[in-house]
Every structure is written in C-alpha cells, then in structure tokens.
Amino acid sequence: MAADDAAVAAQLADVHDALLRDAEAVGLDPAALDGALERAAATYAHRRVRRFTGVLVEREVREELGLRRVSRL
C-alpha cells in the first residue's frame, strides 16, 4: 500500500506541475488551481483506480477550471 501511495503522490506532483504551467500561461490564480487539485484528489483518494489517479485528477481539474493544455509536458 505504501508503494501505491508513493506512486499516486508522484502522479499528483506531475499533474500539479503540468497544471501550474498551464494556469500561469493563462493568468489563473495558483490558489484556485491548488483548491481544485485538492478537491479532485480527495474524490479519488480511496478508490481502487490508483494507477490512473493522475489522469483522472488532471481531467477533473481542467474541466472545473476550464483550463486548456497550453504547455508541453
């Protein structure tokens, strides 16, 4: 379980970095991004989709904030 938790944390860190670059590119408040990321991560915290948590969280945050991908990974 600890390995799964570490993998999810790494996914979320990568997602945060990508989202932050895009948020900064369009002038979005980083606090709004962090709040959306926390809400989305909480949604998937206890589910069995750990392998895809980062993808799901990124999709949900982008949808909530209307944030398009403008940076490259």
N, C-alpha and C. Protein backbone atom coordinates (compact mmCIF):
# COMPACT_ATOMS: atom_id res chain seq x y z
N MET A 1 0.82 -1.19 0.00
CA MET A 1 0.00 0.00 0.00
C MET A 1 0.87 1.25 0.00
N ALA A 2 1.97 1.24 0.71
CA ALA A 2 2.85 2.42 0.75
C ALA A 2 3.41 2.72 -0.63
N ALA A 3 3.72 1.66 -1.39
CA ALA A 3 4.22 1.87 -2.76
C ALA A 3 3.14 2.51 -3.62
N ASP A 4 1.89 2.07 -3.44
CA ASP A 4 0.77 2.66 -4.18
C ASP A 4 0.62 4.13 -3.81
N ASP A 5 0.71 4.43 -2.52
CA ASP A 5 0.58 5.82 -2.07
C ASP A 5 1.69 6.69 -2.65
N ALA A 6 2.90 6.16 -2.70
CA ALA A 6 4.02 6.91 -3.27
C ALA A 6 3.81 7.12 -4.76
N ALA A 7 3.29 6.12 -5.44
CA ALA A 7 3.04 6.24 -6.88
C ALA A 7 1.97 7.30 -7.15
N VAL A 8 0.92 7.31 -6.35
CA VAL A 8 -0.14 8.31 -6.51
C VAL A 8 0.41 9.70 -6.21
N ALA A 9 1.21 9.83 -5.17
CA ALA A 9 1.80 11.13 -4.83
C ALA A 9 2.67 11.63 -5.98
N ALA A 10 3.42 10.74 -6.61
CA ALA A 10 4.26 11.13 -7.75
C ALA A 10 3.40 11.56 -8.93
N GLN A 11 2.31 10.83 -9.17
CA GLN A 11 1.39 11.22 -10.25
C GLN A 11 0.81 12.60 -10.00
N LEU A 12 0.38 12.84 -8.77
CA LEU A 12 -0.23 14.13 -8.44
C LEU A 12 0.79 15.27 -8.53
N ALA A 13 2.03 15.01 -8.18
CA ALA A 13 3.07 16.03 -8.31
C ALA A 13 3.29 16.39 -9.78
N ASP A 14 3.32 15.37 -10.63
CA ASP A 14 3.47 15.62 -12.07
C ASP A 14 2.29 16.39 -12.63
N VAL A 15 1.09 15.99 -12.21
CA VAL A 15 -0.13 16.67 -12.66
C VAL A 15 -0.12 18.12 -12.19
N HIS A 16 0.27 18.34 -10.94
CA HIS A 16 0.31 19.70 -10.41
C HIS A 16 1.26 20.56 -11.24
N ASP A 17 2.42 20.04 -11.56
CA ASP A 17 3.39 20.81 -12.35
C ASP A 17 2.83 21.18 -13.72
N ALA A 18 2.21 20.21 -14.39
CA ALA A 18 1.64 20.48 -15.72
C ALA A 18 0.51 21.49 -15.63
N LEU A 19 -0.37 21.31 -14.65
CA LEU A 19 -1.48 22.24 -14.49
C LEU A 19 -1.00 23.63 -14.13
N LEU A 20 0.02 23.71 -13.29
CA LEU A 20 0.54 25.01 -12.87
C LEU A 20 1.12 25.78 -14.06
N ARG A 21 1.85 25.08 -14.92
CA ARG A 21 2.39 25.75 -16.12
C ARG A 21 1.26 26.32 -16.97
N ASP A 22 0.21 25.53 -17.17
CA ASP A 22 -0.91 25.99 -17.98
C ASP A 22 -1.67 27.11 -17.29
N ALA A 23 -1.84 27.01 -15.98
CA ALA A 23 -2.54 28.05 -15.22
C ALA A 23 -1.78 29.37 -15.29
N GLU A 24 -0.47 29.30 -15.14
CA GLU A 24 0.35 30.51 -15.21
C GLU A 24 0.30 31.12 -16.61
N ALA A 25 0.23 30.28 -17.63
CA ALA A 25 0.20 30.77 -19.01
C ALA A 25 -1.06 31.58 -19.31
N VAL A 26 -2.14 31.27 -18.60
CA VAL A 26 -3.40 32.00 -18.84
C VAL A 26 -3.75 32.94 -17.70
N GLY A 27 -2.85 33.10 -16.73
CA GLY A 27 -3.06 34.05 -15.64
C GLY A 27 -4.03 33.58 -14.57
N LEU A 28 -4.18 32.28 -14.41
CA LEU A 28 -5.07 31.73 -13.39
C LEU A 28 -4.38 31.76 -12.03
N ASP A 29 -5.12 32.10 -11.00
CA ASP A 29 -4.60 32.16 -9.64
C ASP A 29 -4.15 30.77 -9.19
N PRO A 30 -2.90 30.61 -8.77
CA PRO A 30 -2.42 29.31 -8.30
C PRO A 30 -3.23 28.76 -7.13
N ALA A 31 -3.80 29.62 -6.31
CA ALA A 31 -4.63 29.14 -5.19
C ALA A 31 -5.88 28.45 -5.70
N ALA A 32 -6.46 28.96 -6.78
CA ALA A 32 -7.64 28.32 -7.37
C ALA A 32 -7.27 26.94 -7.91
N LEU A 33 -6.10 26.86 -8.51
CA LEU A 33 -5.61 25.58 -9.01
C LEU A 33 -5.41 24.60 -7.87
N ASP A 34 -4.74 25.04 -6.81
CA ASP A 34 -4.48 24.16 -5.67
C ASP A 34 -5.77 23.65 -5.05
N GLY A 35 -6.77 24.53 -4.92
CA GLY A 35 -8.05 24.13 -4.37
C GLY A 35 -8.74 23.08 -5.23
N ALA A 36 -8.74 23.30 -6.53
CA ALA A 36 -9.36 22.34 -7.45
C ALA A 36 -8.61 21.01 -7.42
N LEU A 37 -7.30 21.08 -7.32
CA LEU A 37 -6.50 19.86 -7.27
C LEU A 37 -6.79 19.08 -5.99
N GLU A 38 -6.89 19.76 -4.87
CA GLU A 38 -7.21 19.09 -3.61
C GLU A 38 -8.57 18.42 -3.66
N ARG A 39 -9.57 19.13 -4.21
CA ARG A 39 -10.92 18.55 -4.30
C ARG A 39 -10.92 17.32 -5.20
N ALA A 40 -10.26 17.42 -6.34
CA ALA A 40 -10.23 16.30 -7.27
C ALA A 40 -9.48 15.11 -6.67
N ALA A 41 -8.35 15.37 -6.03
CA ALA A 41 -7.57 14.29 -5.42
C ALA A 41 -8.37 13.61 -4.32
N ALA A 42 -9.13 14.37 -3.56
CA ALA A 42 -9.95 13.79 -2.49
C ALA A 42 -11.02 12.87 -3.06
N THR A 43 -11.52 13.21 -4.24
CA THR A 43 -12.53 12.37 -4.88
C THR A 43 -12.01 10.97 -5.13
N TYR A 44 -10.75 10.87 -5.50
CA TYR A 44 -10.18 9.57 -5.87
C TYR A 44 -9.29 8.96 -4.80
N ALA A 45 -9.21 9.56 -3.64
CA ALA A 45 -8.28 9.13 -2.60
C ALA A 45 -8.49 7.69 -2.14
N HIS A 46 -9.73 7.24 -2.09
CA HIS A 46 -9.99 5.92 -1.53
C HIS A 46 -10.51 4.94 -2.58
N ARG A 47 -10.29 5.26 -3.82
CA ARG A 47 -10.76 4.37 -4.88
C ARG A 47 -9.65 3.44 -5.31
N ARG A 48 -10.02 2.45 -6.07
CA ARG A 48 -9.06 1.44 -6.48
C ARG A 48 -8.43 1.76 -7.84
N VAL A 49 -8.57 2.97 -8.30
CA VAL A 49 -8.06 3.36 -9.61
C VAL A 49 -6.70 4.04 -9.49
N ARG A 50 -5.92 3.63 -8.55
CA ARG A 50 -4.67 4.30 -8.22
C ARG A 50 -3.75 4.45 -9.43
N ARG A 51 -3.75 3.50 -10.31
CA ARG A 51 -2.87 3.56 -11.47
C ARG A 51 -3.22 4.74 -12.38
N PHE A 52 -4.48 5.16 -12.36
CA PHE A 52 -4.96 6.23 -13.24
C PHE A 52 -5.34 7.49 -12.49
N THR A 53 -5.02 7.58 -11.23
CA THR A 53 -5.42 8.72 -10.42
C THR A 53 -4.96 10.04 -11.02
N GLY A 54 -3.73 10.12 -11.44
CA GLY A 54 -3.21 11.37 -12.01
C GLY A 54 -4.00 11.84 -13.21
N VAL A 55 -4.32 10.92 -14.11
CA VAL A 55 -5.08 11.25 -15.31
C VAL A 55 -6.47 11.74 -14.95
N LEU A 56 -7.12 11.03 -14.03
CA LEU A 56 -8.47 11.41 -13.62
C LEU A 56 -8.50 12.76 -12.93
N VAL A 57 -7.54 12.99 -12.06
CA VAL A 57 -7.47 14.26 -11.34
C VAL A 57 -7.20 15.40 -12.32
N GLU A 58 -6.27 15.20 -13.23
CA GLU A 58 -5.98 16.27 -14.20
C GLU A 58 -7.22 16.60 -15.02
N ARG A 59 -7.92 15.60 -15.49
CA ARG A 59 -9.12 15.84 -16.30
C ARG A 59 -10.17 16.61 -15.51
N GLU A 60 -10.37 16.22 -14.26
CA GLU A 60 -11.38 16.88 -13.43
C GLU A 60 -11.01 18.34 -13.15
N VAL A 61 -9.74 18.60 -12.85
CA VAL A 61 -9.30 19.98 -12.57
C VAL A 61 -9.43 20.84 -13.82
N ARG A 62 -9.00 20.32 -14.94
CA ARG A 62 -9.12 21.09 -16.19
C ARG A 62 -10.57 21.42 -16.49
N GLU A 63 -11.45 20.46 -16.27
CA GLU A 63 -12.88 20.69 -16.51
C GLU A 63 -13.43 21.75 -15.55
N GLU A 64 -13.11 21.62 -14.26
CA GLU A 64 -13.61 22.57 -13.26
C GLU A 64 -13.15 23.99 -13.55
N LEU A 65 -11.91 24.15 -13.95
CA LEU A 65 -11.34 25.48 -14.15
C LEU A 65 -11.42 25.97 -15.59
N GLY A 66 -11.91 25.12 -16.49
CA GLY A 66 -11.94 25.49 -17.90
C GLY A 66 -10.54 25.71 -18.45
N LEU A 67 -9.60 24.92 -17.99
CA LEU A 67 -8.18 25.10 -18.31
C LEU A 67 -7.77 24.19 -19.46
N ARG A 68 -7.37 24.80 -20.56
CA ARG A 68 -6.88 24.04 -21.70
C ARG A 68 -5.39 23.76 -21.51
N ARG A 69 -4.93 22.75 -22.21
CA ARG A 69 -3.49 22.44 -22.19
C ARG A 69 -2.80 23.40 -23.14
N VAL A 70 -1.90 24.21 -22.61
CA VAL A 70 -1.15 25.15 -23.45
C VAL A 70 0.34 24.89 -23.39
N SER A 71 0.78 24.13 -22.41
CA SER A 71 2.21 23.82 -22.30
C SER A 71 2.44 22.38 -22.74
N ARG A 72 3.68 22.09 -23.01
CA ARG A 72 4.05 20.71 -23.33
C ARG A 72 4.56 20.05 -22.07
N LEU A 73 4.32 18.77 -21.96
CA LEU A 73 4.78 18.03 -20.78
C LEU A 73 6.26 17.85 -20.78
